[in-house]
């Protein structure tokens, strides 16, 4: 059983060695392209203007608060109208 594993290991090593040897010219040819693409992936760092985002968040919070206040006021007015109608 042991020689079978050894023979299999040697065959796989030979196949790997031959394939790497055959691929070296292609790797040399496209090496700079590969490195450029990999570096682009890691260098993608979008610039975010945090001050404008904080300002926008502040504006949206004000709008939401005003909307809630207006909704509450509209509900109060509606309740007053209903109560006045019931009173008559």
PDB file of N, CA and C in Angstrom:
ATOM      1  N   UNK A   1       0.822  -1.188   0.000  1.00  0.00           N
ATOM      2  CA  UNK A   1       0.000   0.000   0.000  1.00  0.00           C
ATOM      3  C   UNK A   1       0.870   1.258   0.000  1.00  0.00           C
ATOM      4  N   UNK A   2       1.951   1.188   0.733  1.00  0.00           N
ATOM      5  CA  UNK A   2       2.857   2.319   0.842  1.00  0.00           C
ATOM      6  C   UNK A   2       3.439   2.723  -0.516  1.00  0.00           C
ATOM      7  N   UNK A   3       3.918   1.792  -1.334  1.00  0.00           N
ATOM      8  CA  UNK A   3       4.475   2.181  -2.647  1.00  0.00           C
ATOM      9  C   UNK A   3       3.422   2.814  -3.563  1.00  0.00           C
ATOM     10  N   UNK A   4       2.185   2.414  -3.401  1.00  0.00           N
ATOM     11  CA  UNK A   4       1.127   2.997  -4.219  1.00  0.00           C
ATOM     12  C   UNK A   4       0.973   4.491  -3.923  1.00  0.00           C
ATOM     13  N   UNK A   5       0.996   4.875  -2.649  1.00  0.00           N
ATOM     14  CA  UNK A   5       0.916   6.279  -2.267  1.00  0.00           C
ATOM     15  C   UNK A   5       2.132   7.042  -2.756  1.00  0.00           C
ATOM     16  N   UNK A   6       3.279   6.407  -2.679  1.00  0.00           N
ATOM     17  CA  UNK A   6       4.504   7.045  -3.133  1.00  0.00           C
ATOM     18  C   UNK A   6       4.473   7.282  -4.639  1.00  0.00           C
ATOM     19  N   UNK A   7       4.010   6.311  -5.389  1.00  0.00           N
ATOM     20  CA  UNK A   7       3.909   6.459  -6.841  1.00  0.00           C
ATOM     21  C   UNK A   7       2.893   7.543  -7.195  1.00  0.00           C
ATOM     22  N   UNK A   8       1.768   7.557  -6.493  1.00  0.00           N
ATOM     23  CA  UNK A   8       0.755   8.590  -6.727  1.00  0.00           C
ATOM     24  C   UNK A   8       1.302   9.977  -6.409  1.00  0.00           C
ATOM     25  N   UNK A   9       2.037  10.081  -5.340  1.00  0.00           N
ATOM     26  CA  UNK A   9       2.641  11.364  -4.957  1.00  0.00           C
ATOM     27  C   UNK A   9       3.641  11.827  -6.005  1.00  0.00           C
ATOM     28  N   UNK A  10       4.457  10.940  -6.502  1.00  0.00           N
ATOM     29  CA  UNK A  10       5.447  11.294  -7.521  1.00  0.00           C
ATOM     30  C   UNK A  10       4.756  11.725  -8.810  1.00  0.00           C
ATOM     31  N   UNK A  11       3.725  11.030  -9.208  1.00  0.00           N
ATOM     32  CA  UNK A  11       2.993  11.382 -10.431  1.00  0.00           C
ATOM     33  C   UNK A  11       2.345  12.754 -10.293  1.00  0.00           C
ATOM     34  N   UNK A  12       1.713  13.009  -9.159  1.00  0.00           N
ATOM     35  CA  UNK A  12       1.096  14.323  -8.941  1.00  0.00           C
ATOM     36  C   UNK A  12       2.140  15.432  -8.911  1.00  0.00           C
ATOM     37  N   UNK A  13       3.279  15.164  -8.323  1.00  0.00           N
ATOM     38  CA  UNK A  13       4.352  16.150  -8.283  1.00  0.00           C
ATOM     39  C   UNK A  13       4.869  16.442  -9.687  1.00  0.00           C
ATOM     40  N   UNK A  14       5.012  15.420 -10.490  1.00  0.00           N
ATOM     41  CA  UNK A  14       5.469  15.614 -11.876  1.00  0.00           C
ATOM     42  C   UNK A  14       4.450  16.426 -12.666  1.00  0.00           C
ATOM     43  N   UNK A  15       3.186  16.100 -12.524  1.00  0.00           N
ATOM     44  CA  UNK A  15       2.133  16.849 -13.237  1.00  0.00           C
ATOM     45  C   UNK A  15       2.130  18.308 -12.802  1.00  0.00           C
ATOM     46  N   UNK A  16       2.232  18.555 -11.524  1.00  0.00           N
ATOM     47  CA  UNK A  16       2.257  19.930 -11.024  1.00  0.00           C
ATOM     48  C   UNK A  16       3.487  20.675 -11.524  1.00  0.00           C
ATOM     49  N   UNK A  17       4.627  20.025 -11.505  1.00  0.00           N
ATOM     50  CA  UNK A  17       5.858  20.653 -11.962  1.00  0.00           C
ATOM     51  C   UNK A  17       5.782  20.999 -13.447  1.00  0.00           C
ATOM     52  N   UNK A  18       5.290  20.105 -14.253  1.00  0.00           N
ATOM     53  CA  UNK A  18       5.179  20.349 -15.694  1.00  0.00           C
ATOM     54  C   UNK A  18       4.186  21.467 -15.977  1.00  0.00           C
ATOM     55  N   UNK A  19       3.054  21.465 -15.295  1.00  0.00           N
ATOM     56  CA  UNK A  19       2.055  22.505 -15.541  1.00  0.00           C
ATOM     57  C   UNK A  19       2.574  23.877 -15.129  1.00  0.00           C
ATOM     58  N   UNK A  20       3.276  23.960 -14.023  1.00  0.00           N
ATOM     59  CA  UNK A  20       3.841  25.248 -13.604  1.00  0.00           C
ATOM     60  C   UNK A  20       4.905  25.696 -14.586  1.00  0.00           C
ATOM     61  N   UNK A  21       5.728  24.778 -15.031  1.00  0.00           N
ATOM     62  CA  UNK A  21       6.772  25.120 -16.001  1.00  0.00           C
ATOM     63  C   UNK A  21       6.157  25.622 -17.304  1.00  0.00           C
ATOM     64  N   UNK A  22       5.064  25.036 -17.727  1.00  0.00           N
ATOM     65  CA  UNK A  22       4.416  25.483 -18.959  1.00  0.00           C
ATOM     66  C   UNK A  22       3.685  26.813 -18.779  1.00  0.00           C
ATOM     67  N   UNK A  23       3.242  27.115 -17.580  1.00  0.00           N
ATOM     68  CA  UNK A  23       2.488  28.349 -17.342  1.00  0.00           C
ATOM     69  C   UNK A  23       3.375  29.554 -17.048  1.00  0.00           C
ATOM     70  N   UNK A  24       4.641  29.352 -16.763  1.00  0.00           N
ATOM     71  CA  UNK A  24       5.517  30.474 -16.394  1.00  0.00           C
ATOM     72  C   UNK A  24       5.576  31.555 -17.476  1.00  0.00           C
ATOM     73  N   UNK A  25       5.683  31.241 -18.752  1.00  0.00           N
ATOM     74  CA  UNK A  25       5.705  32.326 -19.756  1.00  0.00           C
ATOM     75  C   UNK A  25       4.421  33.163 -19.747  1.00  0.00           C
ATOM     76  N   UNK A  26       3.283  32.532 -19.561  1.00  0.00           N
ATOM     77  CA  UNK A  26       2.028  33.278 -19.530  1.00  0.00           C
ATOM     78  C   UNK A  26       1.926  34.143 -18.275  1.00  0.00           C
ATOM     79  N   UNK A  27       2.399  33.614 -17.180  1.00  0.00           N
ATOM     80  CA  UNK A  27       2.364  34.380 -15.934  1.00  0.00           C
ATOM     81  C   UNK A  27       3.276  35.588 -16.052  1.00  0.00           C
ATOM     82  N   UNK A  28       4.458  35.410 -16.648  1.00  0.00           N
ATOM     83  CA  UNK A  28       5.370  36.546 -16.843  1.00  0.00           C
ATOM     84  C   UNK A  28       4.742  37.595 -17.751  1.00  0.00           C
ATOM     85  N   UNK A  29       4.034  37.142 -18.761  1.00  0.00           N
ATOM     86  CA  UNK A  29       3.432  38.068 -19.716  1.00  0.00           C
ATOM     87  C   UNK A  29       2.321  38.891 -19.071  1.00  0.00           C
ATOM     88  N   UNK A  30       1.509  38.272 -18.233  1.00  0.00           N
ATOM     89  CA  UNK A  30       0.358  38.947 -17.652  1.00  0.00           C
ATOM     90  C   UNK A  30       0.556  39.348 -16.199  1.00  0.00           C
ATOM     91  N   UNK A  31       1.769  39.261 -15.687  1.00  0.00           N
ATOM     92  CA  UNK A  31       2.028  39.546 -14.275  1.00  0.00           C
ATOM     93  C   UNK A  31       1.650  40.971 -13.898  1.00  0.00           C
ATOM     94  N   UNK A  32       2.066  41.943 -14.706  1.00  0.00           N
ATOM     95  CA  UNK A  32       1.757  43.336 -14.374  1.00  0.00           C
ATOM     96  C   UNK A  32       0.254  43.587 -14.429  1.00  0.00           C
ATOM     97  N   UNK A  33      -0.426  42.961 -15.375  1.00  0.00           N
ATOM     98  CA  UNK A  33      -1.878  43.094 -15.466  1.00  0.00           C
ATOM     99  C   UNK A  33      -2.565  42.519 -14.233  1.00  0.00           C
ATOM    100  N   UNK A  34      -2.105  41.365 -13.796  1.00  0.00           N
ATOM    101  CA  UNK A  34      -2.679  40.723 -12.609  1.00  0.00           C
ATOM    102  C   UNK A  34      -2.459  41.589 -11.380  1.00  0.00           C
ATOM    103  N   UNK A  35      -1.237  42.091 -11.206  1.00  0.00           N
ATOM    104  CA  UNK A  35      -0.924  42.938 -10.048  1.00  0.00           C
ATOM    105  C   UNK A  35      -1.742  44.221 -10.088  1.00  0.00           C
ATOM    106  N   UNK A  36      -1.912  44.807 -11.259  1.00  0.00           N
ATOM    107  CA  UNK A  36      -2.696  46.041 -11.392  1.00  0.00           C
ATOM    108  C   UNK A  36      -4.147  45.806 -11.000  1.00  0.00           C
ATOM    109  N   UNK A  37      -4.719  44.726 -11.450  1.00  0.00           N
ATOM    110  CA  UNK A  37      -6.117  44.440 -11.114  1.00  0.00           C
ATOM    111  C   UNK A  37      -6.291  44.169  -9.629  1.00  0.00           C
ATOM    112  N   UNK A  38      -5.363  43.439  -9.054  1.00  0.00           N
ATOM    113  CA  UNK A  38      -5.452  43.160  -7.620  1.00  0.00           C
ATOM    114  C   UNK A  38      -5.298  44.443  -6.821  1.00  0.00           C
ATOM    115  N   UNK A  39      -4.366  45.296  -7.220  1.00  0.00           N
ATOM    116  CA  UNK A  39      -4.167  46.544  -6.479  1.00  0.00           C
ATOM    117  C   UNK A  39      -5.366  47.476  -6.615  1.00  0.00           C
ATOM    118  N   UNK A  40      -6.052  47.455  -7.761  1.00  0.00           N
ATOM    119  CA  UNK A  40      -7.251  48.277  -7.925  1.00  0.00           C
ATOM    120  C   UNK A  40      -8.348  47.847  -6.957  1.00  0.00           C
ATOM    121  N   UNK A  41      -8.457  46.555  -6.747  1.00  0.00           N
ATOM    122  CA  UNK A  41      -9.483  46.052  -5.831  1.00  0.00           C
ATOM    123  C   UNK A  41      -9.210  46.544  -4.418  1.00  0.00           C
ATOM    124  N   UNK A  42      -7.958  46.506  -3.999  1.00  0.00           N
ATOM    125  CA  UNK A  42      -7.635  46.905  -2.641  1.00  0.00           C
ATOM    126  C   UNK A  42      -7.563  48.415  -2.473  1.00  0.00           C
ATOM    127  N   UNK A  43      -7.342  49.147  -3.553  1.00  0.00           N
ATOM    128  CA  UNK A  43      -7.237  50.601  -3.460  1.00  0.00           C
ATOM    129  C   UNK A  43      -8.572  51.308  -3.645  1.00  0.00           C
ATOM    130  N   UNK A  44      -9.619  50.551  -3.894  1.00  0.00           N
ATOM    131  CA  UNK A  44     -10.940  51.175  -4.022  1.00  0.00           C
ATOM    132  C   UNK A  44     -11.384  51.661  -2.663  1.00  0.00           C
ATOM    133  N   UNK A  45     -11.144  52.886  -2.418  1.00  0.00           N
ATOM    134  CA  UNK A  45     -11.525  53.482  -1.149  1.00  0.00           C
ATOM    135  C   UNK A  45     -12.295  54.753  -1.469  1.00  0.00           C
ATOM    136  N   UNK A  46     -13.596  54.652  -1.578  1.00  0.00           N
ATOM    137  CA  UNK A  46     -14.362  55.831  -1.978  1.00  0.00           C
ATOM    138  C   UNK A  46     -14.223  56.940  -0.952  1.00  0.00           C
ATOM    139  N   UNK A  47     -14.053  58.136  -1.453  1.00  0.00           N
ATOM    140  CA  UNK A  47     -13.939  59.270  -0.559  1.00  0.00           C
ATOM    141  C   UNK A  47     -15.344  59.708  -0.159  1.00  0.00           C
ATOM    142  N   UNK A  48     -15.549  59.796   1.124  1.00  0.00           N
ATOM    143  CA  UNK A  48     -16.857  60.151   1.647  1.00  0.00           C
ATOM    144  C   UNK A  48     -16.713  61.456   2.414  1.00  0.00           C
ATOM    145  N   UNK A  49     -17.583  62.392   2.098  1.00  0.00           N
ATOM    146  CA  UNK A  49     -17.583  63.669   2.797  1.00  0.00           C
ATOM    147  C   UNK A  49     -18.536  63.547   3.981  1.00  0.00           C
ATOM    148  N   UNK A  50     -17.950  63.281   5.143  1.00  0.00           N
ATOM    149  CA  UNK A  50     -18.762  63.015   6.327  1.00  0.00           C
ATOM    150  C   UNK A  50     -19.498  64.252   6.825  1.00  0.00           C
ATOM    151  N   UNK A  51     -18.927  65.419   6.611  1.00  0.00           N
ATOM    152  CA  UNK A  51     -19.608  66.626   7.076  1.00  0.00           C
ATOM    153  C   UNK A  51     -20.917  66.841   6.312  1.00  0.00           C
ATOM    154  N   UNK A  52     -20.906  66.604   4.997  1.00  0.00           N
ATOM    155  CA  UNK A  52     -22.141  66.777   4.229  1.00  0.00           C
ATOM    156  C   UNK A  52     -23.160  65.699   4.606  1.00  0.00           C
ATOM    157  N   UNK A  53     -22.679  64.488   4.910  1.00  0.00           N
ATOM    158  CA  UNK A  53     -23.605  63.441   5.346  1.00  0.00           C
ATOM    159  C   UNK A  53     -24.233  63.781   6.688  1.00  0.00           C
ATOM    160  N   UNK A  54     -23.435  64.312   7.613  1.00  0.00           N
ATOM    161  CA  UNK A  54     -23.979  64.708   8.914  1.00  0.00           C
ATOM    162  C   UNK A  54     -24.981  65.843   8.760  1.00  0.00           C
ATOM    163  N   UNK A  55     -24.689  66.769   7.862  1.00  0.00           N
ATOM    164  CA  UNK A  55     -25.614  67.872   7.609  1.00  0.00           C
ATOM    165  C   UNK A  55     -26.926  67.345   7.032  1.00  0.00           C
ATOM    166  N   UNK A  56     -26.827  66.422   6.109  1.00  0.00           N
ATOM    167  CA  UNK A  56     -28.029  65.834   5.498  1.00  0.00           C
ATOM    168  C   UNK A  56     -28.847  65.059   6.531  1.00  0.00           C
ATOM    169  N   UNK A  57     -28.167  64.335   7.421  1.00  0.00           N
ATOM    170  CA  UNK A  57     -28.865  63.603   8.474  1.00  0.00           C
ATOM    171  C   UNK A  57     -29.587  64.571   9.390  1.00  0.00           C
ATOM    172  N   UNK A  58     -28.936  65.675   9.719  1.00  0.00           N
ATOM    173  CA  UNK A  58     -29.576  66.694  10.552  1.00  0.00           C
ATOM    174  C   UNK A  58     -30.825  67.261   9.903  1.00  0.00           C
ATOM    175  N   UNK A  59     -30.739  67.546   8.601  1.00  0.00           N
ATOM    176  CA  UNK A  59     -31.908  68.070   7.884  1.00  0.00           C
ATOM    177  C   UNK A  59     -33.049  67.051   7.871  1.00  0.00           C
ATOM    178  N   UNK A  60     -32.716  65.802   7.652  1.00  0.00           N
ATOM    179  CA  UNK A  60     -33.755  64.766   7.634  1.00  0.00           C
ATOM    180  C   UNK A  60     -34.392  64.577   9.004  1.00  0.00           C
ATOM    181  N   UNK A  61     -33.588  64.663  10.064  1.00  0.00           N
ATOM    182  CA  UNK A  61     -34.157  64.564  11.416  1.00  0.00           C
ATOM    183  C   UNK A  61     -35.122  65.705  11.688  1.00  0.00           C
ATOM    184  N   UNK A  62     -34.772  66.905  11.227  1.00  0.00           N
ATOM    185  CA  UNK A  62     -35.674  68.052  11.407  1.00  0.00           C
ATOM    186  C   UNK A  62     -36.983  67.834  10.639  1.00  0.00           C
ATOM    187  N   UNK A  63     -36.880  67.326   9.422  1.00  0.00           N
ATOM    188  CA  UNK A  63     -38.084  67.078   8.623  1.00  0.00           C
ATOM    189  C   UNK A  63     -38.972  66.029   9.278  1.00  0.00           C
ATOM    190  N   UNK A  64     -38.361  64.977   9.798  1.00  0.00           N
ATOM    191  CA  UNK A  64     -39.141  63.920  10.446  1.00  0.00           C
ATOM    192  C   UNK A  64     -39.817  64.462  11.694  1.00  0.00           C
ATOM    193  N   UNK A  65     -39.099  65.257  12.484  1.00  0.00           N
ATOM    194  CA  UNK A  65     -39.689  65.827  13.698  1.00  0.00           C
ATOM    195  C   UNK A  65     -40.846  66.753  13.346  1.00  0.00           C
ATOM    196  N   UNK A  66     -40.660  67.560  12.308  1.00  0.00           N
ATOM    197  CA  UNK A  66     -41.732  68.476  11.898  1.00  0.00           C
ATOM    198  C   UNK A  66     -42.944  67.696  11.393  1.00  0.00           C
ATOM    199  N   UNK A  67     -42.693  66.641  10.650  1.00  0.00           N
ATOM    200  CA  UNK A  67     -43.786  65.818  10.131  1.00  0.00           C
ATOM    201  C   UNK A  67     -44.568  65.167  11.273  1.00  0.00           C
ATOM    202  N   UNK A  68     -43.834  64.663  12.271  1.00  0.00           N
ATOM    203  CA  UNK A  68     -44.509  64.062  13.426  1.00  0.00           C
ATOM    204  C   UNK A  68     -45.354  65.099  14.163  1.00  0.00           C
ATOM    205  N   UNK A  69     -44.787  66.287  14.327  1.00  0.00           N
ATOM    206  CA  UNK A  69     -45.534  67.352  15.005  1.00  0.00           C
ATOM    207  C   UNK A  69     -46.788  67.710  14.214  1.00  0.00           C
ATOM    208  N   UNK A  70     -46.655  67.825  12.900  1.00  0.00           N
ATOM    209  CA  UNK A  70     -47.808  68.161  12.062  1.00  0.00           C
ATOM    210  C   UNK A  70     -48.857  67.059  12.099  1.00  0.00           C
ATOM    211  N   UNK A  71     -48.418  65.806  12.114  1.00  0.00           N
ATOM    212  CA  UNK A  71     -49.367  64.699  12.214  1.00  0.00           C
ATOM    213  C   UNK A  71     -50.119  64.751  13.539  1.00  0.00           C
ATOM    214  N   UNK A  72     -49.395  64.989  14.618  1.00  0.00           N
ATOM    215  CA  UNK A  72     -50.046  65.073  15.936  1.00  0.00           C
ATOM    216  C   UNK A  72     -51.035  66.231  15.969  1.00  0.00           C
ATOM    217  N   UNK A  73     -50.630  67.362  15.394  1.00  0.00           N
ATOM    218  CA  UNK A  73     -51.511  68.529  15.389  1.00  0.00           C
ATOM    219  C   UNK A  73     -52.764  68.248  14.557  1.00  0.00           C
ATOM    220  N   UNK A  74     -52.600  67.557  13.443  1.00  0.00           N
ATOM    221  CA  UNK A  74     -53.757  67.237  12.602  1.00  0.00           C
ATOM    222  C   UNK A  74     -54.703  66.294  13.339  1.00  0.00           C
ATOM    223  N   UNK A  75     -54.158  65.340  14.080  1.00  0.00           N
ATOM    224  CA  UNK A  75     -54.999  64.419  14.845  1.00  0.00           C
ATOM    225  C   UNK A  75     -55.747  65.182  15.938  1.00  0.00           C
ATOM    226  N   UNK A  76     -55.043  66.084  16.618  1.00  0.00           N
ATOM    227  CA  UNK A  76     -55.705  66.883  17.661  1.00  0.00           C
ATOM    228  C   UNK A  76     -56.846  67.720  17.080  1.00  0.00           C
ATOM    229  N   UNK A  77     -56.576  68.362  15.941  1.00  0.00           N
ATOM    230  CA  UNK A  77     -57.621  69.177  15.314  1.00  0.00           C
ATOM    231  C   UNK A  77     -58.824  68.325  14.915  1.00  0.00           C
ATOM    232  N   UNK A  78     -58.565  67.150  14.398  1.00  0.00           N
ATOM    233  CA  UNK A  78     -59.649  66.262  14.003  1.00  0.00           C
ATOM    234  C   UNK A  78     -60.472  65.822  15.212  1.00  0.00           C
ATOM    235  N   UNK A  79     -59.784  65.519  16.295  1.00  0.00           N
ATOM    236  CA  UNK A  79     -60.497  65.120  17.515  1.00  0.00           C
ATOM    237  C   UNK A  79     -61.335  66.268  18.044  1.00  0.00           C
ATOM    238  N   UNK A  80     -60.794  67.494  17.997  1.00  0.00           N
ATOM    239  CA  UNK A  80     -61.564  68.657  18.445  1.00  0.00           C
ATOM    240  C   UNK A  80     -62.812  68.843  17.596  1.00  0.00           C
ATOM    241  N   UNK A  81     -62.674  68.686  16.285  1.00  0.00           N
ATOM    242  CA  UNK A  81     -63.826  68.828  15.399  1.00  0.00           C
ATOM    243  C   UNK A  81     -64.884  67.774  15.691  1.00  0.00           C
ATOM    244  N   UNK A  82     -64.461  66.541  15.921  1.00  0.00           N
ATOM    245  CA  UNK A  82     -65.417  65.476  16.222  1.00  0.00           C
ATOM    246  C   UNK A  82     -66.116  65.753  17.541  1.00  0.00           C
ATOM    247  N   UNK A  83     -65.363  66.174  18.551  1.00  0.00           N
ATOM    248  CA  UNK A  83     -65.973  66.488  19.845  1.00  0.00           C
ATOM    249  C   UNK A  83     -66.943  67.665  19.748  1.00  0.00           C
ATOM    250  N   UNK A  84     -66.596  68.658  18.957  1.00  0.00           N
ATOM    251  CA  UNK A  84     -67.516  69.781  18.783  1.00  0.00           C
ATOM    252  C   UNK A  84     -68.795  69.362  18.080  1.00  0.00           C
ATOM    253  N   UNK A  85     -68.688  68.459  17.096  1.00  0.00           N
ATOM    254  CA  UNK A  85     -69.868  67.956  16.421  1.00  0.00           C
ATOM    255  C   UNK A  85     -70.735  67.125  17.379  1.00  0.00           C
ATOM    256  N   UNK A  86     -70.088  66.344  18.228  1.00  0.00           N
ATOM    257  CA  UNK A  86     -70.846  65.545  19.188  1.00  0.00           C
ATOM    258  C   UNK A  86     -71.514  66.436  20.241  1.00  0.00           C
ATOM    259  N   UNK A  87     -70.872  67.532  20.560  1.00  0.00           N
ATOM    260  CA  UNK A  87     -71.429  68.455  21.559  1.00  0.00           C
ATOM    261  C   UNK A  87     -72.691  69.113  21.035  1.00  0.00           C
ATOM    262  N   UNK A  88     -72.800  69.367  19.757  1.00  0.00           N
ATOM    263  CA  UNK A  88     -73.969  70.044  19.180  1.00  0.00           C
ATOM    264  C   UNK A  88     -75.123  69.151  19.078  1.00  0.00           C
TER     265      UNK A  88
END
